N, C-alpha and C. Protein backbone atom coordinates (compact mmCIF):
# COMPACT_ATOMS: atom_id res chain seq x y z
N MET A 1 109.35 79.84 66.27
CA MET A 1 110.92 79.49 67.49
C MET A 1 111.43 78.08 67.60
N ASN A 2 112.81 78.43 67.06
CA ASN A 2 113.44 76.76 67.51
C ASN A 2 113.94 76.74 68.41
N VAL A 3 113.13 75.65 68.99
CA VAL A 3 113.41 75.31 70.45
C VAL A 3 114.28 74.01 70.87
N LEU A 4 115.29 73.96 71.58
CA LEU A 4 116.23 72.52 71.86
C LEU A 4 115.75 72.16 73.74
N VAL A 5 115.32 71.29 73.65
CA VAL A 5 114.69 70.50 75.07
C VAL A 5 115.68 69.60 75.37
N ALA A 6 116.63 70.37 76.62
CA ALA A 6 117.32 68.97 76.93
C ALA A 6 117.65 68.56 78.26
N THR A 7 117.15 66.80 78.19
CA THR A 7 117.18 66.56 79.60
C THR A 7 118.02 65.73 79.91
N PRO A 8 118.70 66.12 81.39
CA PRO A 8 120.25 65.67 81.95
C PRO A 8 120.31 64.08 81.19
N LEU A 9 119.18 63.37 81.69
CA LEU A 9 119.61 61.71 81.70
C LEU A 9 118.66 61.03 80.27
N ARG A 10 118.88 60.02 79.86
CA ARG A 10 118.15 59.38 78.65
C ARG A 10 116.79 58.58 79.42
N LYS A 11 116.53 58.53 80.38
CA LYS A 11 115.07 58.08 81.09
C LYS A 11 114.51 59.21 81.29
N GLU A 12 115.15 60.28 81.57
CA GLU A 12 114.38 61.34 81.55
C GLU A 12 113.46 61.52 80.20
N LEU A 13 114.30 61.63 79.45
CA LEU A 13 113.86 61.90 77.97
C LEU A 13 112.79 61.30 77.27
N ASN A 14 113.27 59.35 77.76
CA ASN A 14 112.55 58.78 77.16
C ASN A 14 110.82 58.93 78.01
N LEU A 15 111.01 59.18 79.45
CA LEU A 15 109.71 59.43 80.06
C LEU A 15 109.02 60.91 79.26
N LEU A 16 109.71 61.77 79.06
CA LEU A 16 109.06 62.94 78.34
C LEU A 16 108.65 62.75 77.14
N LEU A 17 109.21 61.94 76.53
CA LEU A 17 108.80 61.72 74.88
C LEU A 17 107.29 60.77 74.93
N GLU A 18 107.41 59.88 75.89
CA GLU A 18 106.32 59.00 76.09
C GLU A 18 105.09 59.94 75.99
N HIS A 19 105.21 61.03 76.79
CA HIS A 19 104.04 61.92 77.15
C HIS A 19 103.69 62.81 76.29
N LEU A 20 104.97 63.41 75.93
CA LEU A 20 104.65 64.31 75.03
C LEU A 20 104.31 64.41 73.61
N TRP A 21 104.73 63.13 72.65
CA TRP A 21 105.21 63.28 71.46
C TRP A 21 104.09 62.06 71.14
N ALA A 22 103.54 61.00 72.02
CA ALA A 22 102.88 59.27 71.51
C ALA A 22 101.74 59.95 70.57
N LYS A 23 101.10 61.06 70.89
CA LYS A 23 99.81 60.96 70.22
C LYS A 23 99.88 62.20 69.32
N SER A 24 100.29 63.03 69.82
CA SER A 24 99.86 64.87 69.47
C SER A 24 101.10 65.00 68.18
N LEU A 25 102.28 64.78 68.08
CA LEU A 25 103.02 65.36 66.81
C LEU A 25 103.92 64.06 66.27
N HIS A 26 104.33 64.93 65.21
CA HIS A 26 105.10 63.46 64.14
C HIS A 26 106.45 63.87 64.65
N THR A 27 107.30 62.88 64.66
CA THR A 27 108.53 63.26 65.16
C THR A 27 109.81 62.24 64.13
N GLN A 28 110.82 62.64 64.18
CA GLN A 28 111.66 61.87 63.82
C GLN A 28 113.31 61.67 64.51
N VAL A 29 113.75 60.85 64.19
CA VAL A 29 115.11 60.59 65.16
C VAL A 29 115.87 60.64 64.13
N VAL A 30 116.99 61.98 64.57
CA VAL A 30 118.38 62.05 64.16
C VAL A 30 118.99 61.61 64.86
N ASN A 31 120.32 60.52 64.08
CA ASN A 31 121.29 59.91 64.57
C ASN A 31 122.33 61.08 64.13
N LEU A 32 123.08 61.69 65.13
CA LEU A 32 124.14 62.27 65.10
C LEU A 32 125.46 61.70 65.61
N PRO A 33 126.87 61.50 64.80
CA PRO A 33 127.90 60.94 65.37
C PRO A 33 128.19 60.83 67.03
N LYS A 34 127.79 61.72 67.84
CA LYS A 34 127.70 61.50 69.18
C LYS A 34 126.76 61.70 69.88
N ALA A 35 125.53 61.75 69.02
CA ALA A 35 124.34 61.87 69.85
C ALA A 35 122.91 61.33 69.41
N LYS A 36 121.72 61.32 69.86
CA LYS A 36 120.40 60.39 69.36
C LYS A 36 119.60 61.82 69.63
N VAL A 37 118.68 62.55 68.67
CA VAL A 37 117.81 63.30 69.14
C VAL A 37 116.50 63.14 68.48
N VAL A 38 115.58 63.68 68.58
CA VAL A 38 114.08 63.69 68.15
C VAL A 38 113.68 64.94 67.97
N HIS A 39 113.10 65.22 66.69
CA HIS A 39 112.81 66.55 66.14
C HIS A 39 111.46 66.34 65.82
N SER A 40 111.12 67.60 65.55
CA SER A 40 109.39 67.91 65.35
C SER A 40 109.55 69.07 64.40
N SER A 41 109.37 68.71 63.04
CA SER A 41 109.63 69.68 61.75
C SER A 41 108.20 70.66 61.58
N ARG A 42 107.31 70.13 62.47
CA ARG A 42 106.64 70.35 62.87
C ARG A 42 105.97 71.74 63.26
N THR A 43 106.78 71.36 64.54
CA THR A 43 106.84 72.70 65.77
C THR A 43 108.10 73.49 65.99
N GLU A 44 109.42 72.53 65.15
CA GLU A 44 110.61 73.15 65.35
C GLU A 44 111.28 73.05 66.78
N ILE A 45 110.84 71.66 67.35
CA ILE A 45 111.23 71.34 68.63
C ILE A 45 112.05 70.19 68.40
N THR A 46 113.14 70.14 69.17
CA THR A 46 114.47 69.16 69.24
C THR A 46 114.05 68.60 70.49
N LEU A 47 114.35 67.34 70.87
CA LEU A 47 114.37 67.09 72.22
C LEU A 47 115.89 65.82 71.83
N ALA A 48 116.65 65.65 73.23
CA ALA A 48 117.72 65.48 73.68
C ALA A 48 118.03 65.19 74.89
N ALA A 49 119.11 64.36 75.49
CA ALA A 49 119.82 64.14 76.45
C ALA A 49 121.14 64.49 76.63
N ALA A 50 121.06 65.37 77.26
CA ALA A 50 122.12 65.69 77.52
C ALA A 50 123.40 65.59 78.48
N GLY A 51 123.31 65.01 79.30
CA GLY A 51 123.80 64.01 80.24
C GLY A 51 123.97 64.96 81.67
N HIS A 52 124.90 63.99 82.27
CA HIS A 52 124.44 64.44 84.21
C HIS A 52 125.48 65.47 84.48
N GLY A 53 125.17 66.40 85.31
CA GLY A 53 126.30 67.25 85.66
C GLY A 53 126.38 68.73 84.86
N LYS A 54 126.79 69.47 85.25
CA LYS A 54 126.78 71.06 84.84
C LYS A 54 127.86 70.77 83.53
N VAL A 55 129.13 70.29 83.62
CA VAL A 55 130.01 70.40 82.41
C VAL A 55 129.83 69.21 81.64
N ARG A 56 129.01 67.85 81.49
CA ARG A 56 128.49 67.26 80.65
C ARG A 56 127.82 68.11 79.77
N PHE A 57 126.47 68.40 80.60
CA PHE A 57 125.82 68.76 79.94
C PHE A 57 125.71 70.05 79.06
N ALA A 58 126.59 70.75 79.65
CA ALA A 58 127.11 71.70 78.60
C ALA A 58 128.06 71.33 77.49
N VAL A 59 128.71 70.75 77.64
CA VAL A 59 129.39 70.11 76.22
C VAL A 59 128.74 69.20 75.61
N ALA A 60 128.03 68.56 75.95
CA ALA A 60 126.83 67.78 74.51
C ALA A 60 125.81 69.19 74.36
N ALA A 61 125.38 69.84 75.08
CA ALA A 61 124.28 71.00 74.53
C ALA A 61 124.93 72.20 73.61
N GLN A 62 126.26 72.20 73.85
CA GLN A 62 127.10 73.18 73.15
C GLN A 62 127.30 72.08 71.55
N TYR A 63 127.34 70.64 71.25
CA TYR A 63 127.79 69.97 70.67
C TYR A 63 125.95 69.74 69.72
N LEU A 64 124.99 69.85 70.32
CA LEU A 64 123.90 69.87 69.60
C LEU A 64 123.25 71.24 69.08
N ILE A 65 123.89 72.53 69.73
CA ILE A 65 123.56 73.61 69.00
C ILE A 65 124.51 73.72 67.57
N ASP A 66 126.09 73.51 67.85
CA ASP A 66 126.98 73.24 66.71
C ASP A 66 126.33 72.35 65.55
N ALA A 67 125.80 71.52 65.73
CA ALA A 67 125.38 70.41 64.88
C ALA A 67 124.25 70.63 64.29
N LEU A 68 123.00 70.91 64.89
CA LEU A 68 121.48 71.20 64.51
C LEU A 68 121.13 72.72 64.88
N GLY A 69 121.83 73.59 65.44
CA GLY A 69 121.16 75.14 65.56
C GLY A 69 121.35 75.97 63.97
N PRO A 70 120.61 77.08 64.07
CA PRO A 70 120.73 77.70 65.33
C PRO A 70 119.35 77.40 66.27
N PHE A 71 119.48 77.39 67.57
CA PHE A 71 118.34 77.81 68.40
C PHE A 71 118.22 78.82 68.87
N ASP A 72 116.57 79.17 69.22
CA ASP A 72 116.30 80.39 69.99
C ASP A 72 116.20 80.27 71.17
N LEU A 73 115.68 78.71 71.96
CA LEU A 73 115.65 78.87 73.15
C LEU A 73 116.11 77.42 73.69
N LEU A 74 116.61 77.29 75.12
CA LEU A 74 117.24 76.08 75.36
C LEU A 74 116.39 76.01 76.70
N ILE A 75 116.03 74.85 76.65
CA ILE A 75 114.72 74.45 77.79
C ILE A 75 115.99 73.53 78.36
N CYS A 76 116.21 73.63 79.58
CA CYS A 76 116.73 72.32 80.63
C CYS A 76 115.51 71.93 81.27
N ALA A 77 115.07 70.72 81.20
CA ALA A 77 114.20 69.89 81.85
C ALA A 77 114.60 68.55 82.60
N GLY A 78 114.08 68.40 83.53
CA GLY A 78 114.36 67.02 84.38
C GLY A 78 113.86 67.10 85.77
N ALA A 79 114.40 66.07 86.45
CA ALA A 79 113.99 66.03 87.87
C ALA A 79 114.88 66.69 88.68
N ALA A 80 114.18 67.35 89.92
CA ALA A 80 115.03 67.82 91.03
C ALA A 80 114.12 67.43 92.52
N GLY A 81 114.89 67.87 93.13
CA GLY A 81 115.11 67.32 94.63
C GLY A 81 113.98 69.05 95.52
N ALA A 82 113.20 68.90 96.18
CA ALA A 82 112.67 69.93 96.99
C ALA A 82 112.90 69.89 98.12
N LEU A 83 113.53 71.84 97.83
CA LEU A 83 114.11 72.48 98.91
C LEU A 83 112.90 73.13 99.65
N SER A 84 111.94 73.47 99.38
CA SER A 84 110.99 74.02 100.11
C SER A 84 109.55 72.98 100.54
N ALA A 85 109.46 73.05 101.87
CA ALA A 85 108.20 72.71 102.29
C ALA A 85 107.12 72.31 101.65
N GLU A 86 106.94 73.35 100.82
CA GLU A 86 105.39 73.46 100.46
C GLU A 86 105.55 72.81 98.84
N LEU A 87 106.21 71.98 98.79
CA LEU A 87 106.59 71.34 97.67
C LEU A 87 106.39 69.87 97.88
N HIS A 88 106.05 69.11 96.91
CA HIS A 88 105.57 68.00 96.69
C HIS A 88 105.75 67.13 95.83
N PRO A 89 106.12 65.72 95.50
CA PRO A 89 106.33 65.15 94.58
C PRO A 89 105.40 65.21 93.13
N GLY A 90 105.87 65.52 91.99
CA GLY A 90 105.09 65.93 91.04
C GLY A 90 105.04 67.27 90.51
N ASP A 91 105.10 68.18 91.79
CA ASP A 91 105.31 69.50 91.50
C ASP A 91 106.19 69.92 90.58
N VAL A 92 105.77 70.96 89.53
CA VAL A 92 107.09 71.86 88.84
C VAL A 92 107.31 72.87 89.34
N VAL A 93 108.35 73.14 88.99
CA VAL A 93 108.79 74.30 88.99
C VAL A 93 109.62 75.01 88.16
N VAL A 94 109.22 76.34 87.59
CA VAL A 94 109.77 76.86 86.22
C VAL A 94 110.75 77.69 86.92
N SER A 95 112.00 77.68 86.62
CA SER A 95 112.82 78.80 87.31
C SER A 95 112.90 80.07 86.71
N THR A 96 112.79 80.97 87.94
CA THR A 96 112.79 82.43 87.60
C THR A 96 114.22 82.89 87.47
N CYS A 97 115.16 82.21 88.36
CA CYS A 97 116.91 82.20 87.76
C CYS A 97 117.34 81.00 88.80
N THR A 98 118.32 80.75 87.87
CA THR A 98 119.17 79.37 88.56
C THR A 98 120.42 80.01 89.09
N ILE A 99 120.51 79.35 90.19
CA ILE A 99 121.74 79.64 91.20
C ILE A 99 122.78 78.93 91.35
N GLU A 100 123.73 78.82 91.23
CA GLU A 100 125.03 78.07 90.97
C GLU A 100 125.71 77.92 92.35
N HIS A 101 125.20 76.98 93.24
CA HIS A 101 125.35 77.06 94.58
C HIS A 101 126.51 76.49 95.16
N ASP A 102 127.33 75.51 93.92
CA ASP A 102 128.44 74.88 94.31
C ASP A 102 129.95 75.93 93.50
N TYR A 103 129.39 77.03 93.20
CA TYR A 103 130.66 77.69 92.97
C TYR A 103 131.29 78.64 93.95
N LYS A 104 132.26 78.36 94.91
CA LYS A 104 132.67 79.25 95.97
C LYS A 104 133.99 79.45 95.84
N LEU A 105 134.36 80.66 95.60
CA LEU A 105 135.37 81.15 95.78
C LEU A 105 136.17 81.66 96.71
N GLY A 106 137.76 81.05 96.94
CA GLY A 106 138.33 80.69 98.38
C GLY A 106 139.65 82.27 98.05
N PHE A 107 139.43 82.87 97.40
CA PHE A 107 140.75 83.99 96.66
C PHE A 107 140.26 85.11 97.13
N GLY A 108 139.13 85.40 97.30
CA GLY A 108 138.36 86.70 97.42
C GLY A 108 137.40 86.96 96.66
N GLY A 109 136.92 87.88 96.08
CA GLY A 109 135.82 88.44 95.17
C GLY A 109 134.64 88.54 95.58
N PRO A 110 133.47 88.56 94.71
CA PRO A 110 131.83 88.17 95.32
C PRO A 110 131.64 87.02 96.17
N SER A 111 130.90 87.04 97.05
CA SER A 111 130.78 85.92 97.88
C SER A 111 129.11 85.39 97.84
N GLU A 112 128.64 86.40 96.86
CA GLU A 112 127.28 85.50 96.15
C GLU A 112 127.37 84.53 95.19
N PRO A 113 126.84 83.63 95.45
CA PRO A 113 127.17 82.42 93.59
C PRO A 113 126.49 83.28 92.76
N PRO A 114 126.97 82.70 91.78
CA PRO A 114 126.66 83.01 90.33
C PRO A 114 125.06 82.98 90.06
N LYS A 115 124.36 84.05 89.92
CA LYS A 115 122.82 83.57 89.31
C LYS A 115 122.74 83.79 87.54
N PHE A 116 121.76 83.06 87.28
CA PHE A 116 121.54 83.42 86.07
C PHE A 116 119.68 83.35 85.56
N ASP A 117 119.45 84.40 85.23
CA ASP A 117 118.18 84.58 85.27
C ASP A 117 117.41 83.63 84.05
N GLY A 118 116.43 83.28 84.11
CA GLY A 118 115.43 82.75 82.94
C GLY A 118 114.98 84.21 82.50
N ASP A 119 114.59 83.67 80.77
CA ASP A 119 113.97 84.32 80.06
C ASP A 119 112.41 85.17 80.38
N ALA A 120 112.43 86.61 80.92
CA ALA A 120 111.38 87.39 81.87
C ALA A 120 110.01 86.64 80.54
N GLU A 121 110.49 87.17 79.34
CA GLU A 121 109.31 87.11 78.63
C GLU A 121 108.48 85.91 78.66
N LEU A 122 109.36 84.42 78.19
CA LEU A 122 109.12 83.35 78.74
C LEU A 122 108.35 83.13 79.92
N ILE A 123 109.08 83.00 80.57
CA ILE A 123 108.38 82.82 82.00
C ILE A 123 107.30 83.48 82.35
N ALA A 124 106.87 84.64 81.76
CA ALA A 124 105.51 85.52 81.68
C ALA A 124 104.64 84.62 80.52
N GLN A 125 104.97 84.22 79.53
CA GLN A 125 104.05 83.40 78.82
C GLN A 125 103.80 82.12 79.26
N MET A 126 104.69 81.48 79.83
CA MET A 126 104.73 80.18 80.76
C MET A 126 103.31 80.43 81.74
N GLN A 127 103.32 81.58 82.50
CA GLN A 127 102.51 81.29 83.33
C GLN A 127 101.11 82.00 83.05
N ALA A 128 101.40 82.68 81.97
CA ALA A 128 99.95 82.84 81.27
C ALA A 128 99.57 81.75 80.55
N ALA A 129 100.19 80.63 80.07
CA ALA A 129 99.76 79.28 79.36
C ALA A 129 99.31 78.11 80.53
N THR A 130 99.68 78.09 81.92
CA THR A 130 100.01 77.43 82.93
C THR A 130 98.53 77.48 83.58
N THR A 131 97.97 76.40 83.05
CA THR A 131 96.64 76.23 84.41
C THR A 131 97.02 74.84 84.94
N GLU A 132 96.87 74.96 86.26
CA GLU A 132 97.31 73.92 87.00
C GLU A 132 96.18 73.04 87.07
N PRO A 133 96.30 71.49 86.73
CA PRO A 133 95.04 70.63 86.44
C PRO A 133 94.80 69.72 87.26
N GLY A 134 95.52 70.35 88.71
CA GLY A 134 94.65 69.72 90.17
C GLY A 134 95.75 68.66 90.52
N ALA A 135 96.07 67.27 89.60
CA ALA A 135 97.02 66.69 90.03
C ALA A 135 98.28 67.18 90.63
N PHE A 136 99.19 68.29 90.24
CA PHE A 136 100.09 68.71 90.86
C PHE A 136 100.08 70.38 90.31
N ARG A 137 100.90 70.54 91.43
CA ARG A 137 101.20 72.50 90.91
C ARG A 137 102.31 73.09 90.11
N VAL A 138 102.24 73.86 89.66
CA VAL A 138 103.18 74.95 88.89
C VAL A 138 103.69 76.12 89.73
N LEU A 139 104.67 76.02 89.98
CA LEU A 139 105.17 77.34 90.85
C LEU A 139 106.59 77.67 90.10
N PHE A 140 106.38 78.97 90.42
CA PHE A 140 107.65 79.95 89.71
C PHE A 140 108.80 80.27 90.66
N GLY A 141 110.21 80.15 90.66
CA GLY A 141 110.85 80.53 91.79
C GLY A 141 112.29 80.10 91.53
N PRO A 142 113.09 80.29 92.23
CA PRO A 142 114.78 80.14 91.69
C PRO A 142 114.85 78.55 92.08
N VAL A 143 115.54 78.11 91.41
CA VAL A 143 116.19 76.71 91.59
C VAL A 143 118.04 76.74 91.56
N ALA A 144 118.18 75.97 92.68
CA ALA A 144 119.40 75.90 92.59
C ALA A 144 120.64 74.91 92.03
N SER A 145 121.46 74.92 91.63
CA SER A 145 122.34 74.30 90.89
C SER A 145 123.92 73.79 91.12
N GLY A 146 124.16 72.73 91.41
CA GLY A 146 125.26 72.24 91.70
C GLY A 146 125.55 70.62 92.02
N ASP A 147 126.57 70.21 91.35
CA ASP A 147 126.95 69.25 90.78
C ASP A 147 127.08 67.83 92.22
N GLU A 148 125.67 68.25 92.72
CA GLU A 148 125.91 67.42 94.38
C GLU A 148 124.31 66.48 94.53
N ASP A 149 124.48 65.51 95.08
CA ASP A 149 123.43 64.74 95.41
C ASP A 149 123.06 65.14 96.61
N VAL A 150 121.60 65.99 97.06
CA VAL A 150 121.50 66.34 98.38
C VAL A 150 120.30 65.16 99.06
N VAL A 151 121.09 64.63 100.11
CA VAL A 151 120.58 63.33 100.88
C VAL A 151 119.81 63.71 102.31
N THR A 152 120.49 64.78 102.74
CA THR A 152 119.93 65.14 104.26
C THR A 152 119.22 66.37 104.04
N ARG A 153 118.08 66.53 105.23
CA ARG A 153 117.29 67.84 105.12
C ARG A 153 118.36 68.81 105.82
N THR A 154 119.24 68.47 107.09
CA THR A 154 120.02 69.52 106.91
C THR A 154 120.76 70.28 106.32
N ARG A 155 121.61 69.39 105.01
CA ARG A 155 121.96 70.31 103.94
C ARG A 155 120.86 70.52 103.38
N ALA A 156 119.85 70.26 103.01
CA ALA A 156 118.48 70.52 102.16
C ALA A 156 118.10 72.17 102.63
N ASP A 157 118.40 72.32 104.27
CA ASP A 157 117.69 73.60 104.56
C ASP A 157 118.86 74.59 104.42
N GLU A 158 120.27 74.10 104.84
CA GLU A 158 121.13 74.76 104.30
C GLU A 158 121.06 75.42 103.41
N LEU A 159 120.87 74.68 101.93
CA LEU A 159 121.02 75.37 100.48
C LEU A 159 119.41 76.35 100.14
N HIS A 160 118.47 76.05 100.86
CA HIS A 160 117.44 76.54 101.07
C HIS A 160 117.81 78.12 101.42
N LYS A 161 118.33 78.01 102.59
CA LYS A 161 118.60 79.23 103.79
C LYS A 161 119.54 80.43 102.45
N ALA A 162 120.60 79.85 101.85
CA ALA A 162 121.56 79.66 101.33
C ALA A 162 120.97 81.12 99.65
N THR A 163 120.05 80.24 99.30
CA THR A 163 119.93 80.62 97.96
C THR A 163 118.30 80.95 97.76
N GLY A 164 117.54 80.45 98.64
CA GLY A 164 115.98 80.88 98.60
C GLY A 164 115.27 79.98 97.51
N ALA A 165 116.13 78.99 96.94
CA ALA A 165 115.45 78.12 95.72
C ALA A 165 114.41 77.26 96.07
N LEU A 166 113.42 76.81 95.63
CA LEU A 166 112.70 76.19 95.75
C LEU A 166 112.85 74.48 95.66
N ALA A 167 113.74 74.51 94.57
CA ALA A 167 114.19 72.82 94.54
C ALA A 167 115.93 73.08 94.08
N VAL A 168 116.29 71.99 94.11
CA VAL A 168 117.82 71.78 93.84
C VAL A 168 118.19 70.57 92.44
N ALA A 169 118.95 71.19 91.63
CA ALA A 169 119.47 70.08 90.57
C ALA A 169 120.64 70.22 90.24
N TRP A 170 121.20 69.48 89.13
CA TRP A 170 122.53 69.30 89.15
C TRP A 170 122.72 70.44 87.84
N GLU A 171 122.14 70.16 86.60
CA GLU A 171 122.82 70.79 85.15
C GLU A 171 122.69 72.36 84.94
N GLY A 172 121.19 73.11 85.74
CA GLY A 172 120.89 74.12 85.33
C GLY A 172 122.21 75.31 85.13
N ALA A 173 122.90 75.37 85.81
CA ALA A 173 123.69 76.59 85.20
C ALA A 173 124.76 76.15 84.23
N GLY A 174 125.42 74.80 83.90
CA GLY A 174 125.77 74.76 82.75
C GLY A 174 125.05 75.03 81.62
N ALA A 175 123.70 74.90 81.93
CA ALA A 175 122.71 75.02 80.89
C ALA A 175 122.83 76.64 80.20
N ALA A 176 122.68 77.41 81.38
CA ALA A 176 122.71 78.73 81.17
C ALA A 176 124.12 79.36 81.15
N ASN A 177 124.80 78.68 81.51
CA ASN A 177 126.24 79.09 80.70
C ASN A 177 126.35 78.88 79.11
N VAL A 178 125.85 78.13 78.65
CA VAL A 178 125.76 77.42 77.35
C VAL A 178 124.98 78.52 76.50
N CYS A 179 123.86 78.90 77.04
CA CYS A 179 122.90 80.06 76.55
C CYS A 179 123.22 81.44 76.30
N SER A 180 124.27 81.77 77.71
CA SER A 180 124.99 82.75 77.62
C SER A 180 126.09 83.18 76.46
N PHE A 181 126.94 82.27 76.15
CA PHE A 181 127.68 82.01 75.28
C PHE A 181 127.07 82.08 73.80
N ASN A 182 126.32 81.61 73.67
CA ASN A 182 125.67 81.39 72.30
C ASN A 182 124.52 82.13 71.94
N ASN A 183 124.18 83.05 72.90
CA ASN A 183 123.31 84.10 72.76
C ASN A 183 121.71 83.51 72.56
N ILE A 184 121.60 82.42 73.24
CA ILE A 184 120.43 81.76 72.93
C ILE A 184 119.59 81.82 74.18
N ARG A 185 117.95 81.73 74.17
CA ARG A 185 117.20 82.35 75.27
C ARG A 185 117.39 80.78 75.99
N PHE A 186 117.20 81.09 77.64
CA PHE A 186 117.35 80.04 78.48
C PHE A 186 116.05 79.94 79.77
N LEU A 187 115.75 78.95 79.78
CA LEU A 187 114.87 78.05 80.64
C LEU A 187 115.25 77.22 81.43
N GLU A 188 115.21 76.99 82.39
CA GLU A 188 115.11 75.50 83.76
C GLU A 188 113.50 75.24 84.02
N ILE A 189 113.06 74.39 83.80
CA ILE A 189 112.01 73.45 84.30
C ILE A 189 112.39 71.78 85.11
N ARG A 190 111.97 72.12 85.99
CA ARG A 190 112.09 71.10 86.94
C ARG A 190 111.25 70.58 87.52
N ALA A 191 110.76 68.97 87.70
CA ALA A 191 109.42 68.71 88.69
C ALA A 191 110.08 67.66 90.00
N VAL A 192 109.75 67.95 90.90
CA VAL A 192 109.63 67.21 92.06
C VAL A 192 110.00 65.96 92.06
N ALA A 193 111.11 65.20 92.53
CA ALA A 193 110.94 63.87 92.26
C ALA A 193 111.59 63.05 93.84
N ASP A 194 111.79 63.99 94.44
CA ASP A 194 112.31 63.43 95.68
C ASP A 194 112.13 64.94 96.61
N ALA A 195 112.02 64.33 98.06
CA ALA A 195 112.42 65.62 98.74
C ALA A 195 113.64 66.15 99.62
N ALA A 196 115.20 65.47 98.66
CA ALA A 196 116.34 65.95 99.25
C ALA A 196 116.52 65.19 100.45
N ASP A 197 115.99 64.30 100.70
CA ASP A 197 116.59 63.92 102.28
C ASP A 197 116.78 62.62 101.81
N HIS A 198 117.06 61.53 103.36
CA HIS A 198 117.65 60.30 103.41
C HIS A 198 117.19 59.21 102.56
N ALA A 199 116.12 59.61 101.83
CA ALA A 199 114.99 58.54 101.40
C ALA A 199 114.91 59.28 99.59
N ALA A 200 115.69 59.91 99.69
CA ALA A 200 116.03 60.87 98.27
C ALA A 200 116.04 59.69 96.88
N ALA A 201 117.14 58.96 97.15
CA ALA A 201 117.31 57.86 95.96
C ALA A 201 116.32 57.15 96.13
N ASP A 202 115.45 56.16 96.68
CA ASP A 202 114.26 55.60 96.90
C ASP A 202 112.96 56.50 95.80
N SER A 203 112.99 57.56 96.61
CA SER A 203 111.74 58.70 96.04
C SER A 203 112.12 58.93 94.46
N TYR A 204 113.51 59.10 94.35
CA TYR A 204 113.49 59.72 92.85
C TYR A 204 113.01 58.77 91.74
N HIS A 205 113.29 57.16 92.09
CA HIS A 205 113.17 56.00 91.46
C HIS A 205 111.59 56.02 91.17
N LEU A 206 111.08 56.17 92.30
CA LEU A 206 109.47 55.86 92.22
C LEU A 206 108.77 56.79 91.45
N ASN A 207 108.92 57.95 91.92
CA ASN A 207 108.37 59.45 91.29
C ASN A 207 108.66 59.70 90.21
N LEU A 208 109.91 59.45 89.48
CA LEU A 208 110.39 59.91 88.04
C LEU A 208 109.06 59.99 86.87
N PRO A 209 108.72 58.83 86.96
CA PRO A 209 107.81 58.74 85.36
C PRO A 209 106.48 60.21 85.79
N CYS A 210 106.25 59.94 86.84
CA CYS A 210 105.27 61.20 87.13
C CYS A 210 105.61 62.91 86.93
N ALA A 211 107.16 62.93 87.34
CA ALA A 211 107.46 64.09 87.35
C ALA A 211 107.47 64.13 85.61
N MET A 212 108.39 63.55 85.07
CA MET A 212 108.83 63.99 83.75
C MET A 212 107.23 63.94 83.12
N GLN A 213 106.35 63.39 83.44
CA GLN A 213 104.84 63.27 82.83
C GLN A 213 104.46 64.56 82.87
N ASN A 214 104.52 65.22 84.28
CA ASN A 214 103.96 66.60 84.86
C ASN A 214 104.80 67.92 83.51
N ILE A 215 106.39 67.61 83.46
CA ILE A 215 106.99 68.61 82.81
C ILE A 215 106.16 68.62 81.38
N GLY A 216 105.97 67.44 81.06
CA GLY A 216 105.60 66.92 79.21
C GLY A 216 104.21 68.09 79.24
N THR A 217 103.63 67.99 80.51
CA THR A 217 102.09 68.28 80.36
C THR A 217 102.14 69.55 80.33
N VAL A 218 103.07 70.51 80.90
CA VAL A 218 103.48 71.83 81.54
C VAL A 218 103.99 72.59 79.87
N LEU A 219 104.94 71.78 79.25
CA LEU A 219 105.63 72.19 78.25
C LEU A 219 104.16 71.99 76.86
N GLU A 220 103.50 71.18 77.16
CA GLU A 220 102.85 70.53 76.13
C GLU A 220 101.79 71.89 76.19
N SER A 221 101.40 72.33 77.03
CA SER A 221 100.61 73.69 77.34
C SER A 221 100.76 75.32 76.65
N TYR A 222 102.71 74.99 77.20
CA TYR A 222 102.99 76.29 76.67
C TYR A 222 103.24 76.55 75.24
N PHE A 223 103.58 75.29 74.39
CA PHE A 223 103.97 75.03 72.96
C PHE A 223 102.44 75.04 72.49
N ALA A 224 101.61 74.98 72.75
CA ALA A 224 100.25 74.95 72.18
C ALA A 224 99.62 76.38 72.20
N GLU A 225 100.18 77.29 73.40
CA GLU A 225 99.71 78.61 73.33
C GLU A 225 100.54 79.47 72.40
N THR A 226 101.99 79.07 72.50
CA THR A 226 102.88 79.93 71.78
C THR A 226 102.39 79.94 70.40
N ALA A 227 101.62 78.58 69.81
CA ALA A 227 101.82 78.36 68.09
C ALA A 227 100.72 79.09 68.18
N LYS A 228 99.51 79.47 68.94
CA LYS A 228 98.36 80.21 68.34
C LYS A 228 98.23 81.58 67.62
């Protein structure tokens, strides 16, 4: 299976690469006119940073698909804020569906925000492949997507009540739309870096290395299981 793993930010990608590729896989850098990506021909996995925000991520993902595809699966992987009180920094959420919370219609139409299901077969495979190592938990549930920094518990609680999401991030809905347009399987994986509260900015920078390392651990287990 040809897989594209795209992080929103370059620093997220670099931290993921440090964990995922340093000792286990032979990789090569592919320089495109508008992007630098890392590719492992042994596993047919390509990693890239696609940019911050739904639109930028979607445009960059489409560019990567056109330049390097076809891909069978796009995984959107990066940090998130916790909406559920049961989540702690470093915990990983594999999204069962991505909910675009900032898509708001004012002229009538459906009142529910758009929802994009993760690939059910892949989620089941990841559940089977995932064993919690003890340092962090892996949860499966909705992730809210919108171009908004959530930095108060009032807003976090509002989003949690409206969507039922465990965590909130920016780019998932953009990734899901690209996958739908290109008929590619979709999965979003997020690790908690902050509590979506007044300390979110400081917490994000403090916890990002651990968050991306834990995503790397989950991906590593999944890829190892599916390669058998």
